[in-house]
Amino acid sequence: MSRSFKKNPYGGITTARSEKRDKRIANRRLRTVTHILMKEITEGANIEHVPDIKEVSNVRDFDKDGKIFYSDEKFSRK
């Protein structure tokens, strides 16, 4: 496997290795908001919309700023 290549040569734009911490925080916010809304529903409030994760957190605040396509073979190595 010493000469294996990525199937799709895409990678993150910044030097951040992972967005795991950001995703955990975003999901925690979503669970908190959903929990509060469920309490209000049980108390008799009329709520028509449960938020989506994109409405609770901003993806642009995450460490990586998107993905880029590597056209050069040297950068697409695993």
C-alpha atoms as a PDB file:
ATOM      1  CA  MET A   1       0.000   0.000   0.000  1.00  0.00           C
ATOM      2  CA  SER A   2       2.989   2.315  -0.182  1.00  0.00           C
ATOM      3  CA  ARG A   3       1.826   3.719  -3.522  1.00  0.00           C
ATOM      4  CA  SER A   4      -1.848   4.113  -2.749  1.00  0.00           C
ATOM      5  CA  PHE A   5      -3.648   7.237  -3.913  1.00  0.00           C
ATOM      6  CA  LYS A   6      -6.803   8.944  -2.740  1.00  0.00           C
ATOM      7  CA  LYS A   7      -9.832   8.087  -4.829  1.00  0.00           C
ATOM      8  CA  ASN A   8     -10.912  11.736  -4.904  1.00  0.00           C
ATOM      9  CA  PRO A   9      -7.997  14.182  -4.516  1.00  0.00           C
ATOM     10  CA  TYR A  10      -9.769  16.756  -2.313  1.00  0.00           C
ATOM     11  CA  GLY A  11      -8.486  18.283   0.889  1.00  0.00           C
ATOM     12  CA  GLY A  12      -9.154  21.074   3.359  1.00  0.00           C
ATOM     13  CA  ILE A  13      -8.046  24.604   2.536  1.00  0.00           C
ATOM     14  CA  THR A  14      -6.567  25.520   5.922  1.00  0.00           C
ATOM     15  CA  THR A  15      -4.060  23.726   8.113  1.00  0.00           C
ATOM     16  CA  ALA A  16      -6.711  22.406  10.502  1.00  0.00           C
ATOM     17  CA  ARG A  17      -6.664  18.627  10.511  1.00  0.00           C
ATOM     18  CA  SER A  18     -10.243  18.090  11.623  1.00  0.00           C
ATOM     19  CA  GLU A  19     -13.541  19.811  12.331  1.00  0.00           C
ATOM     20  CA  LYS A  20     -14.534  17.279  14.960  1.00  0.00           C
ATOM     21  CA  ARG A  21     -14.543  19.811  17.812  1.00  0.00           C
ATOM     22  CA  ASP A  22     -16.650  22.256  15.799  1.00  0.00           C
ATOM     23  CA  LYS A  23     -19.138  19.554  14.843  1.00  0.00           C
ATOM     24  CA  ARG A  24     -19.468  18.465  18.474  1.00  0.00           C
ATOM     25  CA  ILE A  25     -20.214  22.030  19.571  1.00  0.00           C
ATOM     26  CA  ALA A  26     -22.767  22.480  16.771  1.00  0.00           C
ATOM     27  CA  ASN A  27     -24.564  19.245  17.657  1.00  0.00           C
ATOM     28  CA  ARG A  28     -24.551  20.186  21.338  1.00  0.00           C
ATOM     29  CA  ARG A  29     -26.222  23.503  20.460  1.00  0.00           C
ATOM     30  CA  LEU A  30     -28.816  21.703  18.369  1.00  0.00           C
ATOM     31  CA  ARG A  31     -29.601  19.252  21.165  1.00  0.00           C
ATOM     32  CA  THR A  32     -29.917  22.105  23.670  1.00  0.00           C
ATOM     33  CA  VAL A  33     -32.299  24.099  21.471  1.00  0.00           C
ATOM     34  CA  THR A  34     -34.343  20.995  20.664  1.00  0.00           C
ATOM     35  CA  HIS A  35     -34.549  20.067  24.343  1.00  0.00           C
ATOM     36  CA  ILE A  36     -35.806  23.558  25.244  1.00  0.00           C
ATOM     37  CA  LEU A  37     -38.391  23.441  22.452  1.00  0.00           C
ATOM     38  CA  MET A  38     -39.621  20.021  23.553  1.00  0.00           C
ATOM     39  CA  LYS A  39     -40.113  21.358  27.091  1.00  0.00           C
ATOM     40  CA  GLU A  40     -42.149  24.260  25.709  1.00  0.00           C
ATOM     41  CA  ILE A  41     -44.269  21.872  23.620  1.00  0.00           C
ATOM     42  CA  THR A  42     -45.077  19.751  26.674  1.00  0.00           C
ATOM     43  CA  GLU A  43     -46.098  22.914  28.543  1.00  0.00           C
ATOM     44  CA  GLY A  44     -48.612  23.707  25.811  1.00  0.00           C
ATOM     45  CA  ALA A  45     -46.753  26.098  23.525  1.00  0.00           C
ATOM     46  CA  ASN A  46     -47.607  25.968  19.838  1.00  0.00           C
ATOM     47  CA  ILE A  47     -44.299  25.517  17.983  1.00  0.00           C
ATOM     48  CA  GLU A  48     -44.491  24.821  14.266  1.00  0.00           C
ATOM     49  CA  HIS A  49     -40.821  24.477  13.378  1.00  0.00           C
ATOM     50  CA  VAL A  50     -37.953  22.473  14.896  1.00  0.00           C
ATOM     51  CA  PRO A  51     -34.621  23.984  13.796  1.00  0.00           C
ATOM     52  CA  ASP A  52     -32.080  22.267  11.577  1.00  0.00           C
ATOM     53  CA  ILE A  53     -28.384  22.136  12.469  1.00  0.00           C
ATOM     54  CA  LYS A  54     -27.589  24.768   9.823  1.00  0.00           C
ATOM     55  CA  GLU A  55     -30.016  27.180  11.491  1.00  0.00           C
ATOM     56  CA  VAL A  56     -28.384  26.761  14.907  1.00  0.00           C
ATOM     57  CA  SER A  57     -24.707  26.929  13.915  1.00  0.00           C
ATOM     58  CA  ASN A  58     -22.780  28.645  11.161  1.00  0.00           C
ATOM     59  CA  VAL A  59     -20.658  26.288   9.043  1.00  0.00           C
ATOM     60  CA  ARG A  60     -18.437  29.190   8.002  1.00  0.00           C
ATOM     61  CA  ASP A  61     -17.203  29.537  11.581  1.00  0.00           C
ATOM     62  CA  PHE A  62     -15.653  26.061  11.517  1.00  0.00           C
ATOM     63  CA  ASP A  63     -11.860  25.652  11.348  1.00  0.00           C
ATOM     64  CA  LYS A  64     -11.733  24.531   7.728  1.00  0.00           C
ATOM     65  CA  ASP A  65     -12.958  26.917   5.065  1.00  0.00           C
ATOM     66  CA  GLY A  66     -14.075  24.317   2.558  1.00  0.00           C
ATOM     67  CA  LYS A  67     -12.325  21.900   0.257  1.00  0.00           C
ATOM     68  CA  ILE A  68      -9.993  22.202  -2.697  1.00  0.00           C
ATOM     69  CA  PHE A  69      -9.241  19.867  -5.602  1.00  0.00           C
ATOM     70  CA  TYR A  70      -5.594  18.783  -5.894  1.00  0.00           C
ATOM     71  CA  SER A  71      -4.646  18.574  -9.541  1.00  0.00           C
ATOM     72  CA  ASP A  72      -1.036  17.580  -8.878  1.00  0.00           C
ATOM     73  CA  GLU A  73      -0.336  13.895  -8.110  1.00  0.00           C
ATOM     74  CA  LYS A  74       2.152  14.754  -5.385  1.00  0.00           C
ATOM     75  CA  PHE A  75      -0.541  16.280  -3.188  1.00  0.00           C
ATOM     76  CA  SER A  76      -3.094  13.559  -3.738  1.00  0.00           C
ATOM     77  CA  ARG A  77      -1.022  10.849  -2.062  1.00  0.00           C
ATOM     78  CA  LYS A  78      -2.479   9.402   1.133  1.00  0.00           C
END
